[in-house]
Amino acid sequence: ALLSLVATWQSKAEETAREEKRWADDLYRDLAPYYSGEVYQNYPDRSLANPLRAYYGENLPRLKTIKRRYDPENVFRFAQGIPPA
């Protein structure tokens, strides 16, 4: 199963935007007991405590080996991507 929370709003008032962001953050937190902690890589989430574990799980060691072999200069990178080993 895949769950994606998307919260948008049109208000330009900073106070309203904070309230709506708080609502979305609270919903995310309240649902936490019901999800595995694994995350689909195409939905980057800067709030993850351990993004590599969340995105790649038990595949991370193998992916680091592949990264070292095929991209040792880290040409293909992003903030939460697999680091060169």
PDB file of N, CA and C in Angstrom:
ATOM      1  N   ALA A   1       0.847  -1.177   0.000  1.00  0.00           N
ATOM      2  CA  ALA A   1       0.000   0.000   0.000  1.00  0.00           C
ATOM      3  C   ALA A   1       0.891   1.237   0.000  1.00  0.00           C
ATOM      4  N   LEU A   2       0.410   2.261  -0.621  1.00  0.00           N
ATOM      5  CA  LEU A   2       1.142   3.518  -0.695  1.00  0.00           C
ATOM      6  C   LEU A   2       0.232   4.636  -0.226  1.00  0.00           C
ATOM      7  N   LEU A   3       0.724   5.431   0.678  1.00  0.00           N
ATOM      8  CA  LEU A   3      -0.018   6.587   1.170  1.00  0.00           C
ATOM      9  C   LEU A   3       0.831   7.815   0.942  1.00  0.00           C
ATOM     10  N   SER A   4       0.267   8.802   0.308  1.00  0.00           N
ATOM     11  CA  SER A   4       0.957  10.059   0.082  1.00  0.00           C
ATOM     12  C   SER A   4       0.088  11.182   0.645  1.00  0.00           C
ATOM     13  N   LEU A   5       0.637  11.927   1.579  1.00  0.00           N
ATOM     14  CA  LEU A   5      -0.080  13.075   2.138  1.00  0.00           C
ATOM     15  C   LEU A   5       0.347  14.322   1.385  1.00  0.00           C
ATOM     16  N   VAL A   6      -0.614  14.999   0.809  1.00  0.00           N
ATOM     17  CA  VAL A   6      -0.338  16.236   0.092  1.00  0.00           C
ATOM     18  C   VAL A   6      -1.267  17.296   0.651  1.00  0.00           C
ATOM     19  N   ALA A   7      -0.702  18.348   1.172  1.00  0.00           N
ATOM     20  CA  ALA A   7      -1.504  19.436   1.735  1.00  0.00           C
ATOM     21  C   ALA A   7      -1.170  20.721   0.987  1.00  0.00           C
ATOM     22  N   THR A   8      -2.176  21.353   0.448  1.00  0.00           N
ATOM     23  CA  THR A   8      -1.987  22.627  -0.244  1.00  0.00           C
ATOM     24  C   THR A   8      -3.023  23.615   0.261  1.00  0.00           C
ATOM     25  N   TRP A   9      -2.699  24.873   0.128  1.00  0.00           N
ATOM     26  CA  TRP A   9      -3.654  25.907   0.508  1.00  0.00           C
ATOM     27  C   TRP A   9      -3.370  27.159  -0.288  1.00  0.00           C
ATOM     28  N   GLN A  10      -4.357  27.996  -0.376  1.00  0.00           N
ATOM     29  CA  GLN A  10      -4.260  29.195  -1.197  1.00  0.00           C
ATOM     30  C   GLN A  10      -4.032  30.467  -0.383  1.00  0.00           C
ATOM     31  N   SER A  11      -4.186  30.375   0.895  1.00  0.00           N
ATOM     32  CA  SER A  11      -4.078  31.553   1.745  1.00  0.00           C
ATOM     33  C   SER A  11      -2.674  32.148   1.686  1.00  0.00           C
ATOM     34  N   LYS A  12      -2.601  33.446   1.612  1.00  0.00           N
ATOM     35  CA  LYS A  12      -1.304  34.120   1.643  1.00  0.00           C
ATOM     36  C   LYS A  12      -0.970  34.616   3.044  1.00  0.00           C
ATOM     37  N   ALA A  13      -1.955  34.519   3.926  1.00  0.00           N
ATOM     38  CA  ALA A  13      -1.733  34.970   5.298  1.00  0.00           C
ATOM     39  C   ALA A  13      -0.805  33.988   6.008  1.00  0.00           C
ATOM     40  N   GLU A  14       0.282  34.490   6.553  1.00  0.00           N
ATOM     41  CA  GLU A  14       1.272  33.635   7.191  1.00  0.00           C
ATOM     42  C   GLU A  14       0.676  32.831   8.344  1.00  0.00           C
ATOM     43  N   GLU A  15      -0.171  33.459   9.140  1.00  0.00           N
ATOM     44  CA  GLU A  15      -0.784  32.757  10.272  1.00  0.00           C
ATOM     45  C   GLU A  15      -1.624  31.578   9.798  1.00  0.00           C
ATOM     46  N   THR A  16      -2.404  31.759   8.743  1.00  0.00           N
ATOM     47  CA  THR A  16      -3.234  30.669   8.211  1.00  0.00           C
ATOM     48  C   THR A  16      -2.351  29.557   7.666  1.00  0.00           C
ATOM     49  N   ALA A  17      -1.301  29.916   6.978  1.00  0.00           N
ATOM     50  CA  ALA A  17      -0.394  28.916   6.419  1.00  0.00           C
ATOM     51  C   ALA A  17       0.243  28.092   7.537  1.00  0.00           C
ATOM     52  N   ARG A  18       0.624  28.735   8.622  1.00  0.00           N
ATOM     53  CA  ARG A  18       1.204  27.995   9.749  1.00  0.00           C
ATOM     54  C   ARG A  18       0.200  27.011  10.329  1.00  0.00           C
ATOM     55  N   GLU A  19      -1.049  27.418  10.459  1.00  0.00           N
ATOM     56  CA  GLU A  19      -2.085  26.535  10.996  1.00  0.00           C
ATOM     57  C   GLU A  19      -2.290  25.331  10.090  1.00  0.00           C
ATOM     58  N   GLU A  20      -2.292  25.562   8.793  1.00  0.00           N
ATOM     59  CA  GLU A  20      -2.523  24.465   7.869  1.00  0.00           C
ATOM     60  C   GLU A  20      -1.313  23.527   7.812  1.00  0.00           C
ATOM     61  N   LYS A  21      -0.118  24.079   7.892  1.00  0.00           N
ATOM     62  CA  LYS A  21       1.065  23.221   7.947  1.00  0.00           C
ATOM     63  C   LYS A  21       1.058  22.406   9.229  1.00  0.00           C
ATOM     64  N   ARG A  22       0.670  23.018  10.325  1.00  0.00           N
ATOM     65  CA  ARG A  22       0.581  22.300  11.599  1.00  0.00           C
ATOM     66  C   ARG A  22      -0.414  21.142  11.482  1.00  0.00           C
ATOM     67  N   TRP A  23      -1.557  21.396  10.810  1.00  0.00           N
ATOM     68  CA  TRP A  23      -2.564  20.347  10.621  1.00  0.00           C
ATOM     69  C   TRP A  23      -1.952  19.174   9.845  1.00  0.00           C
ATOM     70  N   ALA A  24      -1.249  19.462   8.764  1.00  0.00           N
ATOM     71  CA  ALA A  24      -0.646  18.412   7.949  1.00  0.00           C
ATOM     72  C   ALA A  24       0.430  17.658   8.743  1.00  0.00           C
ATOM     73  N   ASP A  25       1.256  18.371   9.473  1.00  0.00           N
ATOM     74  CA  ASP A  25       2.299  17.739  10.283  1.00  0.00           C
ATOM     75  C   ASP A  25       1.691  16.854  11.370  1.00  0.00           C
ATOM     76  N   ASP A  26       0.613  17.327  11.995  1.00  0.00           N
ATOM     77  CA  ASP A  26      -0.063  16.533  13.025  1.00  0.00           C
ATOM     78  C   ASP A  26      -0.656  15.253  12.434  1.00  0.00           C
ATOM     79  N   LEU A  27      -1.252  15.357  11.247  1.00  0.00           N
ATOM     80  CA  LEU A  27      -1.808  14.173  10.598  1.00  0.00           C
ATOM     81  C   LEU A  27      -0.707  13.164  10.307  1.00  0.00           C
ATOM     82  N   TYR A  28       0.404  13.630   9.779  1.00  0.00           N
ATOM     83  CA  TYR A  28       1.550  12.761   9.485  1.00  0.00           C
ATOM     84  C   TYR A  28       2.012  12.054  10.766  1.00  0.00           C
ATOM     85  N   ARG A  29       2.143  12.799  11.836  1.00  0.00           N
ATOM     86  CA  ARG A  29       2.572  12.242  13.126  1.00  0.00           C
ATOM     87  C   ARG A  29       1.553  11.236  13.649  1.00  0.00           C
ATOM     88  N   ASP A  30       0.263  11.564  13.552  1.00  0.00           N
ATOM     89  CA  ASP A  30      -0.780  10.680  14.074  1.00  0.00           C
ATOM     90  C   ASP A  30      -0.863   9.356  13.313  1.00  0.00           C
ATOM     91  N   LEU A  31      -0.491   9.370  12.043  1.00  0.00           N
ATOM     92  CA  LEU A  31      -0.522   8.148  11.241  1.00  0.00           C
ATOM     93  C   LEU A  31       0.735   7.296  11.409  1.00  0.00           C
ATOM     94  N   ALA A  32       1.758   7.828  12.039  1.00  0.00           N
ATOM     95  CA  ALA A  32       3.048   7.140  12.163  1.00  0.00           C
ATOM     96  C   ALA A  32       2.954   5.708  12.688  1.00  0.00           C
ATOM     97  N   PRO A  33       2.093   5.410  13.650  1.00  0.00           N
ATOM     98  CA  PRO A  33       2.038   4.024  14.129  1.00  0.00           C
ATOM     99  C   PRO A  33       1.557   3.021  13.080  1.00  0.00           C
ATOM    100  N   TYR A  34       1.000   3.510  11.999  1.00  0.00           N
ATOM    101  CA  TYR A  34       0.389   2.627  11.012  1.00  0.00           C
ATOM    102  C   TYR A  34       1.240   2.426   9.755  1.00  0.00           C
ATOM    103  N   TYR A  35       2.391   3.030   9.688  1.00  0.00           N
ATOM    104  CA  TYR A  35       3.225   2.807   8.518  1.00  0.00           C
ATOM    105  C   TYR A  35       4.571   2.210   8.920  1.00  0.00           C
ATOM    106  N   SER A  36       5.240   1.613   7.950  1.00  0.00           N
ATOM    107  CA  SER A  36       6.452   0.835   8.201  1.00  0.00           C
ATOM    108  C   SER A  36       7.691   1.673   8.477  1.00  0.00           C
ATOM    109  N   GLY A  37       7.676   2.933   8.068  1.00  0.00           N
ATOM    110  CA  GLY A  37       8.870   3.759   8.162  1.00  0.00           C
ATOM    111  C   GLY A  37       9.663   3.756   6.871  1.00  0.00           C
ATOM    112  N   GLU A  38       9.269   2.883   5.932  1.00  0.00           N
ATOM    113  CA  GLU A  38       9.900   2.880   4.621  1.00  0.00           C
ATOM    114  C   GLU A  38       9.218   3.929   3.754  1.00  0.00           C
ATOM    115  N   VAL A  39       9.987   4.529   2.855  1.00  0.00           N
ATOM    116  CA  VAL A  39       9.488   5.654   2.065  1.00  0.00           C
ATOM    117  C   VAL A  39       9.821   5.428   0.599  1.00  0.00           C
ATOM    118  N   TYR A  40       8.884   5.755  -0.269  1.00  0.00           N
ATOM    119  CA  TYR A  40       9.109   5.673  -1.706  1.00  0.00           C
ATOM    120  C   TYR A  40      10.092   6.775  -2.092  1.00  0.00           C
ATOM    121  N   GLN A  41      11.166   6.402  -2.797  1.00  0.00           N
ATOM    122  CA  GLN A  41      12.246   7.341  -3.096  1.00  0.00           C
ATOM    123  C   GLN A  41      11.806   8.535  -3.922  1.00  0.00           C
ATOM    124  N   ASN A  42      10.761   8.411  -4.696  1.00  0.00           N
ATOM    125  CA  ASN A  42      10.328   9.530  -5.530  1.00  0.00           C
ATOM    126  C   ASN A  42       9.554  10.582  -4.750  1.00  0.00           C
ATOM    127  N   TYR A  43       9.384  10.381  -3.459  1.00  0.00           N
ATOM    128  CA  TYR A  43       8.740  11.371  -2.594  1.00  0.00           C
ATOM    129  C   TYR A  43       9.749  11.818  -1.535  1.00  0.00           C
ATOM    130  N   PRO A  44      10.768  12.578  -1.914  1.00  0.00           N
ATOM    131  CA  PRO A  44      11.781  12.986  -0.939  1.00  0.00           C
ATOM    132  C   PRO A  44      11.156  13.704   0.251  1.00  0.00           C
ATOM    133  N   ASP A  45      11.681  13.409   1.412  1.00  0.00           N
ATOM    134  CA  ASP A  45      11.153  13.988   2.654  1.00  0.00           C
ATOM    135  C   ASP A  45      12.334  14.433   3.501  1.00  0.00           C
ATOM    136  N   ARG A  46      12.546  15.726   3.575  1.00  0.00           N
ATOM    137  CA  ARG A  46      13.694  16.258   4.341  1.00  0.00           C
ATOM    138  C   ARG A  46      13.544  16.080   5.838  1.00  0.00           C
ATOM    139  N   SER A  47      12.371  15.708   6.297  1.00  0.00           N
ATOM    140  CA  SER A  47      12.169  15.550   7.737  1.00  0.00           C
ATOM    141  C   SER A  47      12.539  14.152   8.236  1.00  0.00           C
ATOM    142  N   LEU A  48      12.938  13.254   7.354  1.00  0.00           N
ATOM    143  CA  LEU A  48      13.280  11.893   7.776  1.00  0.00           C
ATOM    144  C   LEU A  48      14.542  11.889   8.635  1.00  0.00           C
ATOM    145  N   ALA A  49      14.484  11.159   9.718  1.00  0.00           N
ATOM    146  CA  ALA A  49      15.646  11.057  10.606  1.00  0.00           C
ATOM    147  C   ALA A  49      16.758  10.232   9.961  1.00  0.00           C
ATOM    148  N   ASN A  50      16.394   9.180   9.235  1.00  0.00           N
ATOM    149  CA  ASN A  50      17.375   8.308   8.591  1.00  0.00           C
ATOM    150  C   ASN A  50      16.892   8.014   7.170  1.00  0.00           C
ATOM    151  N   PRO A  51      17.060   8.962   6.247  1.00  0.00           N
ATOM    152  CA  PRO A  51      16.501   8.792   4.906  1.00  0.00           C
ATOM    153  C   PRO A  51      17.064   7.588   4.146  1.00  0.00           C
ATOM    154  N   LEU A  52      18.332   7.288   4.300  1.00  0.00           N
ATOM    155  CA  LEU A  52      18.892   6.156   3.564  1.00  0.00           C
ATOM    156  C   LEU A  52      18.226   4.853   3.975  1.00  0.00           C
ATOM    157  N   ARG A  53      18.005   4.651   5.237  1.00  0.00           N
ATOM    158  CA  ARG A  53      17.327   3.448   5.722  1.00  0.00           C
ATOM    159  C   ARG A  53      15.872   3.450   5.251  1.00  0.00           C
ATOM    160  N   ALA A  54      15.217   4.602   5.318  1.00  0.00           N
ATOM    161  CA  ALA A  54      13.807   4.685   4.911  1.00  0.00           C
ATOM    162  C   ALA A  54      13.644   4.410   3.414  1.00  0.00           C
ATOM    163  N   TYR A  55      14.522   4.953   2.591  1.00  0.00           N
ATOM    164  CA  TYR A  55      14.393   4.795   1.143  1.00  0.00           C
ATOM    165  C   TYR A  55      14.852   3.422   0.650  1.00  0.00           C
ATOM    166  N   TYR A  56      15.953   2.919   1.187  1.00  0.00           N
ATOM    167  CA  TYR A  56      16.588   1.750   0.590  1.00  0.00           C
ATOM    168  C   TYR A  56      16.557   0.496   1.447  1.00  0.00           C
ATOM    169  N   GLY A  57      16.244   0.629   2.733  1.00  0.00           N
ATOM    170  CA  GLY A  57      16.106  -0.530   3.605  1.00  0.00           C
ATOM    171  C   GLY A  57      17.299  -1.466   3.550  1.00  0.00           C
ATOM    172  N   GLU A  58      17.013  -2.741   3.483  1.00  0.00           N
ATOM    173  CA  GLU A  58      18.071  -3.752   3.507  1.00  0.00           C
ATOM    174  C   GLU A  58      18.901  -3.780   2.222  1.00  0.00           C
ATOM    175  N   ASN A  59      18.467  -3.055   1.213  1.00  0.00           N
ATOM    176  CA  ASN A  59      19.216  -2.982  -0.050  1.00  0.00           C
ATOM    177  C   ASN A  59      20.374  -1.983   0.007  1.00  0.00           C
ATOM    178  N   LEU A  60      20.435  -1.164   1.033  1.00  0.00           N
ATOM    179  CA  LEU A  60      21.435  -0.101   1.101  1.00  0.00           C
ATOM    180  C   LEU A  60      22.875  -0.592   0.946  1.00  0.00           C
ATOM    181  N   PRO A  61      23.317  -1.642   1.642  1.00  0.00           N
ATOM    182  CA  PRO A  61      24.715  -2.071   1.466  1.00  0.00           C
ATOM    183  C   PRO A  61      25.032  -2.451   0.014  1.00  0.00           C
ATOM    184  N   ARG A  62      24.128  -3.163  -0.632  1.00  0.00           N
ATOM    185  CA  ARG A  62      24.341  -3.566  -2.030  1.00  0.00           C
ATOM    186  C   ARG A  62      24.362  -2.341  -2.941  1.00  0.00           C
ATOM    187  N   LEU A  63      23.485  -1.379  -2.681  1.00  0.00           N
ATOM    188  CA  LEU A  63      23.439  -0.174  -3.503  1.00  0.00           C
ATOM    189  C   LEU A  63      24.694   0.678  -3.323  1.00  0.00           C
ATOM    190  N   LYS A  64      25.243   0.697  -2.124  1.00  0.00           N
ATOM    191  CA  LYS A  64      26.503   1.423  -1.900  1.00  0.00           C
ATOM    192  C   LYS A  64      27.638   0.793  -2.720  1.00  0.00           C
ATOM    193  N   THR A  65      27.646  -0.531  -2.798  1.00  0.00           N
ATOM    194  CA  THR A  65      28.655  -1.226  -3.593  1.00  0.00           C
ATOM    195  C   THR A  65      28.512  -0.868  -5.067  1.00  0.00           C
ATOM    196  N   ILE A  66      27.285  -0.862  -5.542  1.00  0.00           N
ATOM    197  CA  ILE A  66      27.029  -0.496  -6.946  1.00  0.00           C
ATOM    198  C   ILE A  66      27.436   0.948  -7.196  1.00  0.00           C
ATOM    199  N   LYS A  67      27.105   1.835  -6.263  1.00  0.00           N
ATOM    200  CA  LYS A  67      27.461   3.251  -6.385  1.00  0.00           C
ATOM    201  C   LYS A  67      28.975   3.414  -6.475  1.00  0.00           C
ATOM    202  N   ARG A  68      29.681   2.716  -5.625  1.00  0.00           N
ATOM    203  CA  ARG A  68      31.154   2.805  -5.615  1.00  0.00           C
ATOM    204  C   ARG A  68      31.726   2.342  -6.960  1.00  0.00           C
ATOM    205  N   ARG A  69      31.129   1.308  -7.527  1.00  0.00           N
ATOM    206  CA  ARG A  69      31.642   0.756  -8.789  1.00  0.00           C
ATOM    207  C   ARG A  69      31.316   1.635  -9.993  1.00  0.00           C
ATOM    208  N   TYR A  70      30.067   2.112 -10.078  1.00  0.00           N
ATOM    209  CA  TYR A  70      29.620   2.801 -11.289  1.00  0.00           C
ATOM    210  C   TYR A  70      29.593   4.325 -11.191  1.00  0.00           C
ATOM    211  N   ASP A  71      29.664   4.860  -9.988  1.00  0.00           N
ATOM    212  CA  ASP A  71      29.646   6.320  -9.841  1.00  0.00           C
ATOM    213  C   ASP A  71      30.563   6.749  -8.696  1.00  0.00           C
ATOM    214  N   PRO A  72      31.840   6.411  -8.788  1.00  0.00           N
ATOM    215  CA  PRO A  72      32.759   6.743  -7.690  1.00  0.00           C
ATOM    216  C   PRO A  72      32.957   8.245  -7.508  1.00  0.00           C
ATOM    217  N   GLU A  73      32.696   9.032  -8.536  1.00  0.00           N
ATOM    218  CA  GLU A  73      32.846  10.484  -8.435  1.00  0.00           C
ATOM    219  C   GLU A  73      31.565  11.159  -7.947  1.00  0.00           C
ATOM    220  N   ASN A  74      30.522  10.380  -7.698  1.00  0.00           N
ATOM    221  CA  ASN A  74      29.248  10.889  -7.183  1.00  0.00           C
ATOM    222  C   ASN A  74      28.625  11.929  -8.120  1.00  0.00           C
ATOM    223  N   VAL A  75      28.664  11.622  -9.414  1.00  0.00           N
ATOM    224  CA  VAL A  75      28.068  12.507 -10.422  1.00  0.00           C
ATOM    225  C   VAL A  75      26.555  12.547 -10.254  1.00  0.00           C
ATOM    226  N   PHE A  76      25.952  11.387 -10.018  1.00  0.00           N
ATOM    227  CA  PHE A  76      24.502  11.298  -9.834  1.00  0.00           C
ATOM    228  C   PHE A  76      24.214  11.374  -8.341  1.00  0.00           C
ATOM    229  N   ARG A  77      23.791  12.540  -7.898  1.00  0.00           N
ATOM    230  CA  ARG A  77      23.610  12.744  -6.461  1.00  0.00           C
ATOM    231  C   ARG A  77      22.440  13.676  -6.182  1.00  0.00           C
ATOM    232  N   PHE A  78      21.941  13.562  -4.989  1.00  0.00           N
ATOM    233  CA  PHE A  78      21.015  14.522  -4.431  1.00  0.00           C
ATOM    234  C   PHE A  78      21.140  14.441  -2.926  1.00  0.00           C
ATOM    235  N   ALA A  79      20.561  15.365  -2.230  1.00  0.00           N
ATOM    236  CA  ALA A  79      20.828  15.510  -0.782  1.00  0.00           C
ATOM    237  C   ALA A  79      20.596  14.223   0.010  1.00  0.00           C
ATOM    238  N   GLN A  80      19.602  13.421  -0.368  1.00  0.00           N
ATOM    239  CA  GLN A  80      19.318  12.211   0.383  1.00  0.00           C
ATOM    240  C   GLN A  80      19.649  10.950  -0.429  1.00  0.00           C
ATOM    241  N   GLY A  81      20.555  11.090  -1.376  1.00  0.00           N
ATOM    242  CA  GLY A  81      20.932   9.967  -2.218  1.00  0.00           C
ATOM    243  C   GLY A  81      21.983   9.083  -1.561  1.00  0.00           C
ATOM    244  N   ILE A  82      22.324   8.033  -2.253  1.00  0.00           N
ATOM    245  CA  ILE A  82      23.321   7.085  -1.755  1.00  0.00           C
ATOM    246  C   ILE A  82      24.701   7.736  -1.869  1.00  0.00           C
ATOM    247  N   PRO A  83      25.405   7.853  -0.756  1.00  0.00           N
ATOM    248  CA  PRO A  83      26.738   8.472  -0.802  1.00  0.00           C
ATOM    249  C   PRO A  83      27.761   7.508  -1.385  1.00  0.00           C
ATOM    250  N   PRO A  84      28.837   8.020  -1.942  1.00  0.00           N
ATOM    251  CA  PRO A  84      29.885   7.119  -2.407  1.00  0.00           C
ATOM    252  C   PRO A  84      30.475   6.375  -1.211  1.00  0.00           C
ATOM    253  N   ALA A  85      30.680   5.110  -1.365  1.00  0.00           N
ATOM    254  CA  ALA A  85      31.181   4.306  -0.244  1.00  0.00           C
ATOM    255  C   ALA A  85      32.689   4.387  -0.148  1.00  0.00           C
TER     256      ALA A  85
END
